[in-house]
Amino acid sequence: MKKPYVFITRKLSEHIVSPLKEKYDVNMWEHESTPVPRETLLNEVKRATALITMLSEKIDEELLEAGRDLQVVANLAVGYDNIDVQAATKKGIAICNTPDVLTDTTADLTFALLMATARRIIEAAELVKKGEWKSWSPFLLAGHDIHHKTIGIVGMGSIGEAVAKRAKGFDMNILYHNRSRKPEAEKSQGAKYCSFEDLIQQADFIVCLTPLTPETKKLFNREAFNKMKKSAIFINASRGPVVDEKALYEALVEGEIAAAGLDVFDTEPIGADHPLLSLQNVVALPHIGSATRETREAMMQLCVENVDRVLSGKNPKTLVNKAWEKEKV
């Protein structure tokens, strides 16, 4: 009998992929940092039973239609806005993601980004490296306190709760806005639920951790930035398209907010000529929220396990489209 064919769209750790190779016909794109071309992916999916994909791949209706034997797509991320989940469900294809294993790692990075932006860490490090530190002065690269300030978390999922836990350690006042209230987070972290408008008006630090949906696309627009404090610092560690980048740039240039820390952008990778990168009060990172070796390998392992379980006739560990599970039970 012909073995199921698994295509992996980026070079992953060999020791994690090897168990799949023992059971299935596996082909892996040979580059770690270069995305698989769309044409190549369309050709591979024609014979694939399973895909392990990255956020950079667009798993749309065209690609799903081409995958006539496709049973499962395991996405190496918590988010899955790169996948047409509805189309996949109609075709009986399981969609999996990698939640939980990256929660603390992403929360660490989010809070590090907040701290780096508030205390102007990148500017300070560059000043020293360029030999421009000439003397001590009272307001040399003076930033903003973090302790005892108010943090507003938009999107109180597991990562949001982990960020709140870290904020509590800094004696911060914690506000949050979410589609539904989180009584447990309110009890354990002292977080206070409020409307989006109240949050952006009251918070000293606005941290965006909301998933990208039609409702959240460009949620942070010119009107939202206008309502923030002039001393507010905006942090985005979720998805780039939830922010109107032109509006953010204008808000920063015109002093409507103080600074921004960004790990994600509308188009990735962001070009070096992007207006936001010209601003000293912007800390920009290359979408590294979950980028530690331990966490990335745990994410890979989860993708491998999900693929193996589906191809073995079992339910995956982290299924996105629950209707698929009901059909299989």
C-alpha atoms as a PDB file:
ATOM      1  CA  MET A   1       0.000   0.000   0.000  1.00  0.00           C
ATOM      2  CA  LYS A   2       1.224   3.492  -0.888  1.00  0.00           C
ATOM      3  CA  LYS A   3       2.342   5.485   2.140  1.00  0.00           C
ATOM      4  CA  PRO A   4       0.622   8.812   2.939  1.00  0.00           C
ATOM      5  CA  TYR A   5       2.664  11.745   1.657  1.00  0.00           C
ATOM      6  CA  VAL A   6       3.561  14.567   4.067  1.00  0.00           C
ATOM      7  CA  PHE A   7       4.949  17.866   2.803  1.00  0.00           C
ATOM      8  CA  ILE A   8       6.622  20.276   5.247  1.00  0.00           C
ATOM      9  CA  THR A   9       6.903  23.859   4.009  1.00  0.00           C
ATOM     10  CA  ARG A  10      10.054  24.824   5.936  1.00  0.00           C
ATOM     11  CA  LYS A  11      13.177  23.032   7.108  1.00  0.00           C
ATOM     12  CA  LEU A  12      12.537  21.772  10.648  1.00  0.00           C
ATOM     13  CA  SER A  13      14.700  19.922  13.189  1.00  0.00           C
ATOM     14  CA  GLU A  14      15.557  16.522  11.758  1.00  0.00           C
ATOM     15  CA  HIS A  15      15.243  14.662  15.064  1.00  0.00           C
ATOM     16  CA  ILE A  16      11.652  15.871  15.404  1.00  0.00           C
ATOM     17  CA  VAL A  17      10.663  14.997  11.841  1.00  0.00           C
ATOM     18  CA  SER A  18      12.360  11.559  11.809  1.00  0.00           C
ATOM     19  CA  PRO A  19       9.440   9.688  13.494  1.00  0.00           C
ATOM     20  CA  LEU A  20       7.189  10.790  10.616  1.00  0.00           C
ATOM     21  CA  LYS A  21       9.718   9.498   8.091  1.00  0.00           C
ATOM     22  CA  GLU A  22       9.562   6.047   9.669  1.00  0.00           C
ATOM     23  CA  LYS A  23       5.848   5.769   8.898  1.00  0.00           C
ATOM     24  CA  TYR A  24       5.174   8.073   5.949  1.00  0.00           C
ATOM     25  CA  ASP A  25       6.663   9.428   2.758  1.00  0.00           C
ATOM     26  CA  VAL A  26       7.976  12.820   3.894  1.00  0.00           C
ATOM     27  CA  ASN A  27       9.371  15.692   1.853  1.00  0.00           C
ATOM     28  CA  MET A  28      10.607  18.866   3.517  1.00  0.00           C
ATOM     29  CA  TRP A  29      11.390  22.216   1.882  1.00  0.00           C
ATOM     30  CA  GLU A  30      15.165  22.536   2.170  1.00  0.00           C
ATOM     31  CA  HIS A  31      15.319  26.137   3.418  1.00  0.00           C
ATOM     32  CA  GLU A  32      14.687  27.387   6.955  1.00  0.00           C
ATOM     33  CA  SER A  33      14.465  31.107   6.247  1.00  0.00           C
ATOM     34  CA  THR A  34      13.126  31.157   2.676  1.00  0.00           C
ATOM     35  CA  PRO A  35       9.398  30.470   2.181  1.00  0.00           C
ATOM     36  CA  VAL A  36       8.349  27.756  -0.226  1.00  0.00           C
ATOM     37  CA  PRO A  37       7.210  29.304  -3.542  1.00  0.00           C
ATOM     38  CA  ARG A  38       3.478  29.253  -4.132  1.00  0.00           C
ATOM     39  CA  GLU A  39       3.882  27.257  -7.354  1.00  0.00           C
ATOM     40  CA  THR A  40       5.917  24.607  -5.549  1.00  0.00           C
ATOM     41  CA  LEU A  41       3.339  24.340  -2.779  1.00  0.00           C
ATOM     42  CA  LEU A  42       0.511  23.992  -5.294  1.00  0.00           C
ATOM     43  CA  ASN A  43       2.380  21.142  -6.968  1.00  0.00           C
ATOM     44  CA  GLU A  44       3.195  19.400  -3.679  1.00  0.00           C
ATOM     45  CA  VAL A  45      -0.349  19.587  -2.320  1.00  0.00           C
ATOM     46  CA  LYS A  46      -1.653  17.683  -5.354  1.00  0.00           C
ATOM     47  CA  ARG A  47      -0.226  14.486  -3.875  1.00  0.00           C
ATOM     48  CA  ALA A  48      -0.080  15.419  -0.201  1.00  0.00           C
ATOM     49  CA  THR A  49      -2.068  13.663   2.494  1.00  0.00           C
ATOM     50  CA  ALA A  50      -0.801  16.102   5.111  1.00  0.00           C
ATOM     51  CA  LEU A  51       0.853  19.518   5.244  1.00  0.00           C
ATOM     52  CA  ILE A  52       2.900  21.131   7.988  1.00  0.00           C
ATOM     53  CA  THR A  53       2.749  24.854   7.239  1.00  0.00           C
ATOM     54  CA  MET A  54       3.992  28.236   8.437  1.00  0.00           C
ATOM     55  CA  LEU A  55       2.096  31.528   8.774  1.00  0.00           C
ATOM     56  CA  SER A  56       3.774  32.660   5.560  1.00  0.00           C
ATOM     57  CA  GLU A  57       1.800  30.125   3.507  1.00  0.00           C
ATOM     58  CA  LYS A  58      -1.634  31.050   2.222  1.00  0.00           C
ATOM     59  CA  ILE A  59      -3.810  27.966   2.606  1.00  0.00           C
ATOM     60  CA  ASP A  60      -6.761  29.233   0.615  1.00  0.00           C
ATOM     61  CA  GLU A  61      -9.572  27.594  -1.343  1.00  0.00           C
ATOM     62  CA  GLU A  62      -7.432  27.238  -4.465  1.00  0.00           C
ATOM     63  CA  LEU A  63      -4.783  25.276  -2.612  1.00  0.00           C
ATOM     64  CA  LEU A  64      -7.291  23.170  -0.690  1.00  0.00           C
ATOM     65  CA  GLU A  65      -9.069  22.284  -3.928  1.00  0.00           C
ATOM     66  CA  ALA A  66      -5.752  21.150  -5.402  1.00  0.00           C
ATOM     67  CA  GLY A  67      -5.170  18.857  -2.401  1.00  0.00           C
ATOM     68  CA  ARG A  68      -7.559  16.103  -3.405  1.00  0.00           C
ATOM     69  CA  ASP A  69      -6.118  13.627  -0.898  1.00  0.00           C
ATOM     70  CA  LEU A  70      -5.373  16.183   1.809  1.00  0.00           C
ATOM     71  CA  GLN A  71      -6.532  15.138   5.279  1.00  0.00           C
ATOM     72  CA  VAL A  72      -4.770  17.511   7.659  1.00  0.00           C
ATOM     73  CA  VAL A  73      -2.968  20.866   7.762  1.00  0.00           C
ATOM     74  CA  ALA A  74      -0.846  21.446  10.871  1.00  0.00           C
ATOM     75  CA  ASN A  75       0.044  25.143  11.188  1.00  0.00           C
ATOM     76  CA  LEU A  76       3.192  26.020  13.161  1.00  0.00           C
ATOM     77  CA  ALA A  77       1.497  28.862  15.065  1.00  0.00           C
ATOM     78  CA  VAL A  78      -1.352  29.623  17.431  1.00  0.00           C
ATOM     79  CA  GLY A  79      -3.009  31.846  14.846  1.00  0.00           C
ATOM     80  CA  TYR A  80      -4.473  30.444  11.647  1.00  0.00           C
ATOM     81  CA  ASP A  81      -5.599  33.543   9.767  1.00  0.00           C
ATOM     82  CA  ASN A  82      -3.508  32.282   6.833  1.00  0.00           C
ATOM     83  CA  ILE A  83      -5.927  29.353   6.423  1.00  0.00           C
ATOM     84  CA  ASP A  84      -9.443  29.268   4.988  1.00  0.00           C
ATOM     85  CA  VAL A  85     -10.807  27.136   7.815  1.00  0.00           C
ATOM     86  CA  GLN A  86     -14.361  27.145   6.481  1.00  0.00           C
ATOM     87  CA  ALA A  87     -13.273  25.792   3.100  1.00  0.00           C
ATOM     88  CA  ALA A  88     -11.116  23.159   4.795  1.00  0.00           C
ATOM     89  CA  THR A  89     -14.003  21.999   6.978  1.00  0.00           C
ATOM     90  CA  LYS A  90     -16.267  21.636   3.937  1.00  0.00           C
ATOM     91  CA  LYS A  91     -13.642  19.393   2.345  1.00  0.00           C
ATOM     92  CA  GLY A  92     -13.234  17.324   5.520  1.00  0.00           C
ATOM     93  CA  ILE A  93      -9.695  18.544   6.192  1.00  0.00           C
ATOM     94  CA  ALA A  94      -8.534  18.863   9.806  1.00  0.00           C
ATOM     95  CA  ILE A  95      -6.835  22.144  10.696  1.00  0.00           C
ATOM     96  CA  CYS A  96      -4.492  22.138  13.692  1.00  0.00           C
ATOM     97  CA  ASN A  97      -2.497  24.826  15.467  1.00  0.00           C
ATOM     98  CA  THR A  98       0.028  25.009  18.317  1.00  0.00           C
ATOM     99  CA  PRO A  99      -1.561  26.716  21.344  1.00  0.00           C
ATOM    100  CA  ASP A 100      -0.393  26.503  24.958  1.00  0.00           C
ATOM    101  CA  VAL A 101       3.201  25.408  24.269  1.00  0.00           C
ATOM    102  CA  LEU A 102       4.191  28.984  23.371  1.00  0.00           C
ATOM    103  CA  THR A 103       2.122  30.903  25.924  1.00  0.00           C
ATOM    104  CA  ASP A 104       4.828  31.790  28.441  1.00  0.00           C
ATOM    105  CA  THR A 105       7.508  32.334  25.815  1.00  0.00           C
ATOM    106  CA  THR A 106       5.335  34.801  23.903  1.00  0.00           C
ATOM    107  CA  ALA A 107       4.308  36.533  27.128  1.00  0.00           C
ATOM    108  CA  ASP A 108       8.007  36.922  28.028  1.00  0.00           C
ATOM    109  CA  LEU A 109       8.730  38.548  24.678  1.00  0.00           C
ATOM    110  CA  THR A 110       5.662  40.784  24.895  1.00  0.00           C
ATOM    111  CA  PHE A 111       6.691  42.106  28.274  1.00  0.00           C
ATOM    112  CA  ALA A 112      10.311  42.453  27.150  1.00  0.00           C
ATOM    113  CA  LEU A 113       9.090  44.518  24.195  1.00  0.00           C
ATOM    114  CA  LEU A 114       7.050  46.682  26.553  1.00  0.00           C
ATOM    115  CA  MET A 115      10.073  47.228  28.791  1.00  0.00           C
ATOM    116  CA  ALA A 116      12.457  47.899  25.894  1.00  0.00           C
ATOM    117  CA  THR A 117      10.080  50.486  24.469  1.00  0.00           C
ATOM    118  CA  ALA A 118       9.334  52.182  27.781  1.00  0.00           C
ATOM    119  CA  ARG A 119      12.973  52.382  28.886  1.00  0.00           C
ATOM    120  CA  ARG A 120      14.397  53.099  25.408  1.00  0.00           C
ATOM    121  CA  ILE A 121      16.717  50.097  25.636  1.00  0.00           C
ATOM    122  CA  ILE A 122      17.472  49.838  21.902  1.00  0.00           C
ATOM    123  CA  GLU A 123      18.310  53.542  21.613  1.00  0.00           C
ATOM    124  CA  ALA A 124      20.548  53.320  24.678  1.00  0.00           C
ATOM    125  CA  ALA A 125      22.437  50.252  23.432  1.00  0.00           C
ATOM    126  CA  GLU A 126      23.010  51.869  20.012  1.00  0.00           C
ATOM    127  CA  LEU A 127      24.246  55.079  21.642  1.00  0.00           C
ATOM    128  CA  VAL A 128      26.960  53.140  23.448  1.00  0.00           C
ATOM    129  CA  LYS A 129      27.906  51.027  20.407  1.00  0.00           C
ATOM    130  CA  LYS A 130      28.234  54.139  18.218  1.00  0.00           C
ATOM    131  CA  GLY A 131      30.533  55.821  20.744  1.00  0.00           C
ATOM    132  CA  GLU A 132      28.047  58.646  21.277  1.00  0.00           C
ATOM    133  CA  TRP A 133      27.861  58.345  25.083  1.00  0.00           C
ATOM    134  CA  LYS A 134      29.898  61.361  26.116  1.00  0.00           C
ATOM    135  CA  SER A 135      28.783  61.979  29.702  1.00  0.00           C
ATOM    136  CA  TRP A 136      26.096  61.288  32.271  1.00  0.00           C
ATOM    137  CA  SER A 137      23.190  63.705  32.303  1.00  0.00           C
ATOM    138  CA  PRO A 138      19.931  63.806  34.293  1.00  0.00           C
ATOM    139  CA  PHE A 139      17.621  63.161  31.348  1.00  0.00           C
ATOM    140  CA  LEU A 140      19.880  61.088  29.085  1.00  0.00           C
ATOM    141  CA  LEU A 141      17.471  58.700  27.293  1.00  0.00           C
ATOM    142  CA  ALA A 142      14.916  59.136  30.072  1.00  0.00           C
ATOM    143  CA  GLY A 143      12.000  56.806  29.456  1.00  0.00           C
ATOM    144  CA  HIS A 144       8.804  55.862  31.268  1.00  0.00           C
ATOM    145  CA  ASP A 145       8.249  53.965  34.518  1.00  0.00           C
ATOM    146  CA  ILE A 146       6.500  50.621  34.262  1.00  0.00           C
ATOM    147  CA  HIS A 147       5.826  49.839  37.912  1.00  0.00           C
ATOM    148  CA  HIS A 148       2.520  51.084  39.343  1.00  0.00           C
ATOM    149  CA  LYS A 149       1.311  52.148  35.876  1.00  0.00           C
ATOM    150  CA  THR A 150      -1.868  50.886  34.171  1.00  0.00           C
ATOM    151  CA  ILE A 151      -1.612  48.196  31.518  1.00  0.00           C
ATOM    152  CA  GLY A 152      -4.531  47.571  29.186  1.00  0.00           C
ATOM    153  CA  ILE A 153      -4.570  44.149  27.525  1.00  0.00           C
ATOM    154  CA  VAL A 154      -6.734  43.801  24.425  1.00  0.00           C
ATOM    155  CA  GLY A 155      -7.304  40.087  23.882  1.00  0.00           C
ATOM    156  CA  MET A 156      -7.277  38.150  27.150  1.00  0.00           C
ATOM    157  CA  GLY A 157      -6.482  34.680  25.890  1.00  0.00           C
ATOM    158  CA  SER A 158      -3.878  32.461  27.507  1.00  0.00           C
ATOM    159  CA  ILE A 159      -1.043  34.769  26.403  1.00  0.00           C
ATOM    160  CA  GLY A 160      -2.935  37.815  27.679  1.00  0.00           C
ATOM    161  CA  GLU A 161      -3.379  36.147  31.049  1.00  0.00           C
ATOM    162  CA  ALA A 162       0.334  35.303  31.156  1.00  0.00           C
ATOM    163  CA  VAL A 163       1.194  38.941  30.394  1.00  0.00           C
ATOM    164  CA  ALA A 164      -1.177  40.031  33.179  1.00  0.00           C
ATOM    165  CA  LYS A 165       0.669  37.714  35.559  1.00  0.00           C
ATOM    166  CA  ARG A 166       3.937  39.433  34.688  1.00  0.00           C
ATOM    167  CA  ALA A 167       2.359  42.870  35.019  1.00  0.00           C
ATOM    168  CA  LYS A 168       1.138  41.963  38.491  1.00  0.00           C
ATOM    169  CA  GLY A 169       4.772  41.395  39.477  1.00  0.00           C
ATOM    170  CA  PHE A 170       5.431  45.020  38.553  1.00  0.00           C
ATOM    171  CA  ASP A 171       2.539  46.208  40.723  1.00  0.00           C
ATOM    172  CA  MET A 172       0.660  47.388  37.659  1.00  0.00           C
ATOM    173  CA  ASN A 173      -3.039  48.162  37.542  1.00  0.00           C
ATOM    174  CA  ILE A 174      -4.444  45.656  35.027  1.00  0.00           C
ATOM    175  CA  LEU A 175      -7.315  46.412  32.653  1.00  0.00           C
ATOM    176  CA  TYR A 176      -8.461  44.089  29.913  1.00  0.00           C
ATOM    177  CA  HIS A 177     -10.927  43.892  27.057  1.00  0.00           C
ATOM    178  CA  ASN A 178     -12.036  40.624  25.524  1.00  0.00           C
ATOM    179  CA  ARG A 179     -14.978  39.098  23.681  1.00  0.00           C
ATOM    180  CA  SER A 180     -15.949  37.424  26.952  1.00  0.00           C
ATOM    181  CA  ARG A 181     -15.056  38.093  30.562  1.00  0.00           C
ATOM    182  CA  LYS A 182     -12.397  36.011  32.302  1.00  0.00           C
ATOM    183  CA  PRO A 183     -13.477  35.649  35.951  1.00  0.00           C
ATOM    184  CA  GLU A 184     -10.471  33.479  36.781  1.00  0.00           C
ATOM    185  CA  ALA A 185      -8.020  36.115  35.518  1.00  0.00           C
ATOM    186  CA  GLU A 186      -9.929  38.784  37.417  1.00  0.00           C
ATOM    187  CA  LYS A 187      -9.592  36.740  40.596  1.00  0.00           C
ATOM    188  CA  SER A 188      -5.986  35.533  40.227  1.00  0.00           C
ATOM    189  CA  GLN A 189      -4.402  38.609  38.635  1.00  0.00           C
ATOM    190  CA  GLY A 190      -6.710  41.352  39.872  1.00  0.00           C
ATOM    191  CA  ALA A 191      -7.536  42.239  36.273  1.00  0.00           C
ATOM    192  CA  LYS A 192     -10.492  44.533  35.670  1.00  0.00           C
ATOM    193  CA  TYR A 193     -12.757  44.103  32.655  1.00  0.00           C
ATOM    194  CA  CYS A 194     -13.684  47.258  30.729  1.00  0.00           C
ATOM    195  CA  SER A 195     -14.843  48.417  27.326  1.00  0.00           C
ATOM    196  CA  PHE A 196     -12.315  48.919  24.546  1.00  0.00           C
ATOM    197  CA  GLU A 197     -12.878  52.672  24.640  1.00  0.00           C
ATOM    198  CA  ASP A 198     -12.354  52.912  28.402  1.00  0.00           C
ATOM    199  CA  LEU A 199      -9.222  50.791  28.155  1.00  0.00           C
ATOM    200  CA  ILE A 200      -7.503  52.893  25.497  1.00  0.00           C
ATOM    201  CA  GLN A 201      -8.365  56.095  27.353  1.00  0.00           C
ATOM    202  CA  GLN A 202      -7.115  54.937  30.765  1.00  0.00           C
ATOM    203  CA  ALA A 203      -4.116  52.686  30.082  1.00  0.00           C
ATOM    204  CA  ASP A 204      -0.506  53.845  30.114  1.00  0.00           C
ATOM    205  CA  PHE A 205       0.475  50.737  28.159  1.00  0.00           C
ATOM    206  CA  ILE A 206      -1.924  49.299  25.574  1.00  0.00           C
ATOM    207  CA  VAL A 207      -0.937  45.732  24.709  1.00  0.00           C
ATOM    208  CA  CYS A 208      -2.598  44.160  21.675  1.00  0.00           C
ATOM    209  CA  LEU A 209      -2.897  40.375  21.844  1.00  0.00           C
ATOM    210  CA  THR A 210      -6.174  39.923  19.992  1.00  0.00           C
ATOM    211  CA  PRO A 211      -6.492  37.408  17.134  1.00  0.00           C
ATOM    212  CA  LEU A 212      -7.019  38.739  13.624  1.00  0.00           C
ATOM    213  CA  THR A 213     -10.694  38.539  12.669  1.00  0.00           C
ATOM    214  CA  PRO A 214     -12.934  40.680  10.441  1.00  0.00           C
ATOM    215  CA  GLU A 215     -13.976  42.517  13.631  1.00  0.00           C
ATOM    216  CA  THR A 216     -10.414  43.241  14.794  1.00  0.00           C
ATOM    217  CA  LYS A 217      -8.873  44.217  11.455  1.00  0.00           C
ATOM    218  CA  LYS A 218      -7.594  47.812  11.817  1.00  0.00           C
ATOM    219  CA  LEU A 219      -9.125  47.944  15.300  1.00  0.00           C
ATOM    220  CA  PHE A 220      -6.320  50.318  16.201  1.00  0.00           C
ATOM    221  CA  ASN A 221      -7.053  53.178  13.823  1.00  0.00           C
ATOM    222  CA  ARG A 222      -6.617  56.964  13.974  1.00  0.00           C
ATOM    223  CA  GLU A 223      -9.698  57.353  16.148  1.00  0.00           C
ATOM    224  CA  ALA A 224      -8.340  54.817  18.663  1.00  0.00           C
ATOM    225  CA  PHE A 225      -4.903  56.455  18.844  1.00  0.00           C
ATOM    226  CA  ASN A 226      -6.535  59.877  19.287  1.00  0.00           C
ATOM    227  CA  LYS A 227      -8.259  58.634  22.431  1.00  0.00           C
ATOM    228  CA  MET A 228      -5.070  57.367  24.073  1.00  0.00           C
ATOM    229  CA  LYS A 229      -2.998  59.378  26.517  1.00  0.00           C
ATOM    230  CA  LYS A 230      -0.183  61.398  24.978  1.00  0.00           C
ATOM    231  CA  SER A 231       2.141  59.433  27.250  1.00  0.00           C
ATOM    232  CA  ALA A 232       0.684  56.055  26.184  1.00  0.00           C
ATOM    233  CA  ILE A 233       2.886  53.304  24.792  1.00  0.00           C
ATOM    234  CA  PHE A 234       1.355  50.897  22.272  1.00  0.00           C
ATOM    235  CA  ILE A 235       2.569  47.293  22.021  1.00  0.00           C
ATOM    236  CA  ASN A 236       1.495  44.848  19.314  1.00  0.00           C
ATOM    237  CA  ALA A 237       2.459  41.179  19.607  1.00  0.00           C
ATOM    238  CA  SER A 238      -0.597  39.682  17.891  1.00  0.00           C
ATOM    239  CA  ARG A 239      -1.081  40.289  14.153  1.00  0.00           C
ATOM    240  CA  GLY A 240      -0.050  43.258  12.041  1.00  0.00           C
ATOM    241  CA  PRO A 241      -3.371  43.893  10.253  1.00  0.00           C
ATOM    242  CA  VAL A 242      -5.149  44.738  13.523  1.00  0.00           C
ATOM    243  CA  VAL A 243      -3.320  48.070  13.285  1.00  0.00           C
ATOM    244  CA  ASP A 244      -3.711  50.818  10.710  1.00  0.00           C
ATOM    245  CA  GLU A 245       0.015  51.455  10.301  1.00  0.00           C
ATOM    246  CA  LYS A 246      -0.436  54.825   8.591  1.00  0.00           C
ATOM    247  CA  ALA A 247      -2.580  55.972  11.531  1.00  0.00           C
ATOM    248  CA  LEU A 248       0.024  54.674  13.997  1.00  0.00           C
ATOM    249  CA  TYR A 249       2.813  56.503  12.188  1.00  0.00           C
ATOM    250  CA  GLU A 250       0.847  59.760  12.223  1.00  0.00           C
ATOM    251  CA  ALA A 251      -0.015  59.346  15.912  1.00  0.00           C
ATOM    252  CA  LEU A 252       3.662  58.857  16.776  1.00  0.00           C
ATOM    253  CA  VAL A 253       4.902  61.736  14.621  1.00  0.00           C
ATOM    254  CA  GLU A 254       2.280  64.151  15.923  1.00  0.00           C
ATOM    255  CA  GLY A 255       2.826  63.181  19.563  1.00  0.00           C
ATOM    256  CA  GLU A 256      -0.626  61.678  20.093  1.00  0.00           C
ATOM    257  CA  ILE A 257       1.087  58.713  21.778  1.00  0.00           C
ATOM    258  CA  ALA A 258       4.608  58.388  23.143  1.00  0.00           C
ATOM    259  CA  ALA A 259       6.008  55.240  21.574  1.00  0.00           C
ATOM    260  CA  ALA A 260       5.273  51.839  20.038  1.00  0.00           C
ATOM    261  CA  GLY A 261       6.791  48.380  20.333  1.00  0.00           C
ATOM    262  CA  LEU A 262       5.954  46.107  17.409  1.00  0.00           C
ATOM    263  CA  ASP A 263       6.684  42.420  16.820  1.00  0.00           C
ATOM    264  CA  VAL A 264       4.255  42.106  13.904  1.00  0.00           C
ATOM    265  CA  PHE A 265       3.401  44.106  10.804  1.00  0.00           C
ATOM    266  CA  ASP A 266       0.753  44.355   8.115  1.00  0.00           C
ATOM    267  CA  THR A 267       3.176  42.984   5.513  1.00  0.00           C
ATOM    268  CA  GLU A 268       5.970  40.691   6.653  1.00  0.00           C
ATOM    269  CA  PRO A 269       8.862  40.928   6.369  1.00  0.00           C
ATOM    270  CA  ILE A 270       8.609  44.700   6.694  1.00  0.00           C
ATOM    271  CA  GLY A 271      10.778  46.722   4.299  1.00  0.00           C
ATOM    272  CA  ALA A 272      13.658  48.780   5.657  1.00  0.00           C
ATOM    273  CA  ASP A 273      12.099  51.841   4.015  1.00  0.00           C
ATOM    274  CA  HIS A 274       8.831  51.551   5.972  1.00  0.00           C
ATOM    275  CA  PRO A 275       8.013  54.927   7.601  1.00  0.00           C
ATOM    276  CA  LEU A 276       7.598  53.370  11.070  1.00  0.00           C
ATOM    277  CA  LEU A 277      11.230  52.231  11.031  1.00  0.00           C
ATOM    278  CA  SER A 278      12.434  55.808  10.634  1.00  0.00           C
ATOM    279  CA  LEU A 279      11.123  56.753  14.089  1.00  0.00           C
ATOM    280  CA  GLN A 280      13.296  56.666  17.202  1.00  0.00           C
ATOM    281  CA  ASN A 281      10.260  55.964  19.387  1.00  0.00           C
ATOM    282  CA  VAL A 282       9.495  52.668  17.622  1.00  0.00           C
ATOM    283  CA  VAL A 283      11.021  49.351  18.681  1.00  0.00           C
ATOM    284  CA  ALA A 284      10.569  46.887  15.811  1.00  0.00           C
ATOM    285  CA  LEU A 285      11.183  43.138  16.003  1.00  0.00           C
ATOM    286  CA  PRO A 286      10.949  40.442  13.267  1.00  0.00           C
ATOM    287  CA  HIS A 287       7.928  38.482  14.595  1.00  0.00           C
ATOM    288  CA  ILE A 288       9.873  36.526  17.222  1.00  0.00           C
ATOM    289  CA  GLY A 289       7.184  36.172  19.900  1.00  0.00           C
ATOM    290  CA  SER A 290       7.664  32.421  20.320  1.00  0.00           C
ATOM    291  CA  ALA A 291      11.263  32.304  19.116  1.00  0.00           C
ATOM    292  CA  THR A 292      13.168  30.279  21.655  1.00  0.00           C
ATOM    293  CA  ARG A 293      14.709  26.964  20.673  1.00  0.00           C
ATOM    294  CA  GLU A 294      12.729  25.087  23.329  1.00  0.00           C
ATOM    295  CA  THR A 295       9.386  26.539  22.318  1.00  0.00           C
ATOM    296  CA  ARG A 296       9.845  26.337  18.557  1.00  0.00           C
ATOM    297  CA  GLU A 297      10.813  22.669  18.846  1.00  0.00           C
ATOM    298  CA  ALA A 298       7.792  22.023  21.076  1.00  0.00           C
ATOM    299  CA  MET A 299       5.631  23.618  18.373  1.00  0.00           C
ATOM    300  CA  MET A 300       7.216  21.415  15.718  1.00  0.00           C
ATOM    301  CA  GLN A 301       6.676  18.344  17.881  1.00  0.00           C
ATOM    302  CA  LEU A 302       3.000  19.190  18.306  1.00  0.00           C
ATOM    303  CA  CYS A 303       2.565  19.586  14.531  1.00  0.00           C
ATOM    304  CA  VAL A 304       4.189  16.207  13.958  1.00  0.00           C
ATOM    305  CA  GLU A 305       1.972  14.551  16.580  1.00  0.00           C
ATOM    306  CA  ASN A 306      -1.169  16.110  15.110  1.00  0.00           C
ATOM    307  CA  VAL A 307      -0.318  14.873  11.615  1.00  0.00           C
ATOM    308  CA  ASP A 308       0.477  11.386  12.870  1.00  0.00           C
ATOM    309  CA  ARG A 309      -2.739  11.164  14.875  1.00  0.00           C
ATOM    310  CA  VAL A 310      -4.949  12.196  11.944  1.00  0.00           C
ATOM    311  CA  LEU A 311      -3.196   9.838   9.529  1.00  0.00           C
ATOM    312  CA  SER A 312      -3.594   7.062  12.128  1.00  0.00           C
ATOM    313  CA  GLY A 313      -7.343   7.626  12.291  1.00  0.00           C
ATOM    314  CA  LYS A 314      -7.338   9.514  15.588  1.00  0.00           C
ATOM    315  CA  ASN A 315      -8.389  13.022  16.585  1.00  0.00           C
ATOM    316  CA  PRO A 316      -5.507  15.505  16.748  1.00  0.00           C
ATOM    317  CA  LYS A 317      -4.481  17.102  20.026  1.00  0.00           C
ATOM    318  CA  THR A 318      -5.187  20.696  19.007  1.00  0.00           C
ATOM    319  CA  LEU A 319      -7.977  20.842  16.447  1.00  0.00           C
ATOM    320  CA  VAL A 320      -9.131  24.234  15.183  1.00  0.00           C
ATOM    321  CA  ASN A 321     -12.229  23.211  13.207  1.00  0.00           C
ATOM    322  CA  LYS A 322     -14.222  21.273  15.793  1.00  0.00           C
ATOM    323  CA  ALA A 323     -16.850  20.304  13.198  1.00  0.00           C
ATOM    324  CA  TRP A 324     -14.238  17.976  11.669  1.00  0.00           C
ATOM    325  CA  GLU A 325     -13.964  16.096  14.960  1.00  0.00           C
ATOM    326  CA  LYS A 326     -17.737  15.665  15.195  1.00  0.00           C
ATOM    327  CA  GLU A 327     -17.789  14.241  11.684  1.00  0.00           C
ATOM    328  CA  LYS A 328     -15.075  11.717  12.547  1.00  0.00           C
ATOM    329  CA  VAL A 329     -16.427  10.555  15.906  1.00  0.00           C
END
